[in-house]
Amino acid sequence: MALALAGVVPSSPASPMVGIDGRWSGWGSITMEDGSSEQVKCVATYFTKEPSVTTEGGISKGGSAGLQQNLRCASQSFRIDAVANLNVSGDAVSGNWEERTYAAQGSVSGRLTGPGFNLLIQGSNFSAAMTVAIASCMQVITIVPRGLQVSRIAISLDKC
């Protein structure tokens, strides 16, 4: 299974990546198709890359920026070790991901939504819709995979 790309942005349209750098951690749940669920612990680390990022860390009008996200999650029976490399240009998001536990990889596409991202994650045997929202120093990630035994992943992370 692949899980990646939890990029999050504040609601300011002039600087959508301000504050995302660093280590975020928290808990969530994985819900299976049969309705069972289990708790999962996650850590996400973000690194912005600066082709045309302003000094405040935001994207200048018409500019672009890179974002790398490392996401690790674990529960009793579930593990994720994913790396995503994204390009944010205007409100468009594109990039690629790799999930090391399951040896999966693929592409990412989507849009900034003001308080976060709406993304489509695709691989050869996997696809998922992902929404990410941020409020202050907390981000909420919801992933709805298709074609897996997992029906939903919901994670709350903070760095306060």
Protein backbone atom coordinates (compact mmCIF):
# COMPACT_ATOMS: atom_id res chain seq x y z
CA MET A 1 0.00 0.00 0.00
CA ALA A 2 1.23 3.51 -0.65
CA LEU A 3 0.57 6.56 1.42
CA ALA A 4 2.28 9.81 0.78
CA LEU A 5 2.03 13.48 0.19
CA ALA A 6 0.58 15.20 3.10
CA GLY A 7 1.52 18.66 2.03
CA VAL A 8 -0.32 21.39 3.95
CA VAL A 9 -0.58 25.13 3.50
CA PRO A 10 -1.88 28.03 5.56
CA SER A 11 -4.88 29.95 4.21
CA SER A 12 -2.94 33.02 3.05
CA PRO A 13 -2.90 32.89 -0.77
CA ALA A 14 0.28 35.01 -0.96
CA SER A 15 2.36 32.57 1.09
CA PRO A 16 0.85 29.07 1.05
CA MET A 17 3.88 27.18 2.39
CA VAL A 18 4.72 29.38 5.39
CA GLY A 19 5.20 27.23 8.47
CA ILE A 20 5.15 23.80 6.85
CA ASP A 21 8.87 23.02 7.32
CA GLY A 22 9.76 20.80 10.23
CA ARG A 23 8.58 17.75 12.12
CA TRP A 24 4.87 17.09 12.64
CA SER A 25 3.59 14.17 14.74
CA GLY A 26 0.33 12.74 15.94
CA TRP A 27 -2.22 9.94 15.87
CA GLY A 28 -4.97 8.73 13.63
CA SER A 29 -6.96 5.70 12.60
CA ILE A 30 -6.97 3.25 9.74
CA THR A 31 -10.41 1.86 8.84
CA MET A 32 -10.61 -1.38 6.90
CA GLU A 33 -13.30 -2.34 4.36
CA ASP A 34 -14.87 -4.70 6.92
CA GLY A 35 -15.37 -1.77 9.34
CA SER A 36 -12.61 -2.68 11.78
CA SER A 37 -10.08 0.00 12.66
CA GLU A 38 -6.86 0.51 14.54
CA GLN A 39 -4.90 3.44 15.89
CA VAL A 40 -1.81 4.60 14.01
CA LYS A 41 1.09 6.84 15.14
CA CYS A 42 2.58 9.11 12.45
CA VAL A 43 5.51 11.49 11.96
CA ALA A 44 5.81 13.73 8.91
CA THR A 45 8.87 15.85 8.13
CA TYR A 46 8.71 18.60 5.51
CA PHE A 47 11.49 20.39 3.64
CA THR A 48 10.78 23.26 1.25
CA LYS A 49 13.02 23.74 -1.77
CA GLU A 50 13.34 27.25 -3.14
CA PRO A 51 13.31 27.98 -6.86
CA SER A 52 11.28 31.17 -6.28
CA VAL A 53 10.12 31.12 -2.68
CA THR A 54 9.88 34.45 -0.84
CA THR A 55 11.97 35.12 2.27
CA GLU A 56 8.90 34.42 4.43
CA GLY A 57 8.74 30.91 2.97
CA GLY A 58 5.74 31.51 0.71
CA ILE A 59 5.44 31.29 -3.06
CA SER A 60 5.67 34.59 -4.90
CA LYS A 61 2.88 35.35 -7.40
CA GLY A 62 3.36 33.16 -10.43
CA GLY A 63 6.32 31.45 -8.77
CA SER A 64 6.91 27.87 -7.82
CA ALA A 65 8.41 25.91 -4.97
CA GLY A 66 9.39 22.37 -4.22
CA LEU A 67 8.30 20.42 -1.18
CA GLN A 68 9.66 17.12 0.10
CA GLN A 69 7.63 15.18 2.62
CA ASN A 70 8.77 12.11 4.55
CA LEU A 71 5.85 10.29 6.17
CA ARG A 72 6.15 7.37 8.56
CA CYS A 73 3.18 5.73 10.23
CA ALA A 74 2.87 2.52 12.22
CA SER A 75 0.26 0.48 14.04
CA GLN A 76 0.19 -3.15 15.19
CA SER A 77 -0.39 -4.47 11.68
CA PHE A 78 0.28 -1.52 9.38
CA ARG A 79 3.41 0.39 8.39
CA ILE A 80 4.07 3.27 5.97
CA ASP A 81 7.45 4.73 4.97
CA ALA A 82 6.77 7.19 2.17
CA VAL A 83 8.68 10.01 0.49
CA ALA A 84 6.99 12.55 -1.77
CA ASN A 85 8.58 15.23 -3.93
CA LEU A 86 6.10 17.91 -5.00
CA ASN A 87 6.20 21.01 -7.13
CA VAL A 88 3.75 23.78 -6.28
CA SER A 89 3.27 26.27 -9.12
CA GLY A 90 0.52 28.81 -8.60
CA ASP A 91 -2.28 26.64 -7.21
CA ALA A 92 -1.27 23.50 -9.14
CA VAL A 93 0.52 20.64 -7.38
CA SER A 94 2.37 17.84 -9.19
CA GLY A 95 5.07 15.37 -8.32
CA ASN A 96 5.92 11.80 -7.46
CA TRP A 97 5.93 9.50 -4.45
CA GLU A 98 7.63 6.33 -3.30
CA GLU A 99 6.45 4.00 -0.54
CA ARG A 100 9.40 1.93 0.68
CA THR A 101 7.60 -0.67 2.82
CA TYR A 102 5.49 -1.90 -0.10
CA ALA A 103 7.94 -0.99 -2.91
CA ALA A 104 5.35 1.18 -4.64
CA GLN A 105 5.68 4.45 -6.53
CA GLY A 106 3.68 6.78 -8.71
CA SER A 107 2.51 10.29 -9.44
CA VAL A 108 0.66 13.03 -7.60
CA SER A 109 -1.54 15.79 -8.98
CA GLY A 110 -3.85 18.29 -7.38
CA ARG A 111 -4.56 21.83 -6.28
CA LEU A 112 -4.00 24.14 -3.34
CA THR A 113 -7.30 24.82 -1.57
CA GLY A 114 -6.38 27.80 0.62
CA PRO A 115 -6.14 25.90 3.89
CA GLY A 116 -4.48 22.85 2.32
CA PHE A 117 -4.35 20.50 -0.65
CA ASN A 118 -6.70 18.25 -2.59
CA LEU A 119 -4.58 15.54 -4.21
CA LEU A 120 -4.92 12.47 -6.40
CA ILE A 121 -2.26 9.82 -5.75
CA GLN A 122 -1.74 7.20 -8.45
CA GLY A 123 0.46 4.14 -8.90
CA SER A 124 0.36 1.00 -10.99
CA ASN A 125 -1.89 -0.89 -8.51
CA PHE A 126 -3.03 1.93 -6.24
CA SER A 127 -4.92 5.21 -6.27
CA ALA A 128 -6.26 7.45 -3.53
CA ALA A 129 -7.91 10.79 -2.97
CA MET A 130 -6.23 12.86 -0.27
CA THR A 131 -7.34 16.04 1.47
CA VAL A 132 -5.09 17.96 3.81
CA ALA A 133 -6.14 20.96 5.89
CA ILE A 134 -4.22 23.13 8.30
CA ALA A 135 -5.33 25.38 11.13
CA SER A 136 -2.64 27.12 13.14
CA CYS A 137 -0.05 24.44 13.94
CA MET A 138 -2.26 21.39 13.28
CA GLN A 139 -2.90 19.49 10.07
CA VAL A 140 -5.62 16.95 9.36
CA ILE A 141 -5.01 14.40 6.60
CA THR A 142 -7.75 12.20 5.15
CA ILE A 143 -6.90 9.52 2.59
CA VAL A 144 -9.47 7.40 0.78
CA PRO A 145 -7.69 4.58 -1.13
CA ARG A 146 -9.27 2.61 -3.96
CA GLY A 147 -8.60 -1.05 -4.60
CA LEU A 148 -7.19 -1.90 -1.17
CA GLN A 149 -8.47 -3.50 2.03
CA VAL A 150 -8.09 -0.08 3.67
CA SER A 151 -11.12 2.17 3.15
CA ARG A 152 -9.98 5.31 5.01
CA ILE A 153 -6.99 6.77 6.81
CA ALA A 154 -7.49 9.83 9.02
CA ILE A 155 -4.54 11.46 10.79
CA SER A 156 -4.17 14.58 12.97
CA LEU A 157 -0.63 15.98 13.23
CA ASP A 158 0.76 18.99 15.08
CA LYS A 159 4.05 20.72 15.70
CA CYS A 160 3.08 23.09 18.54
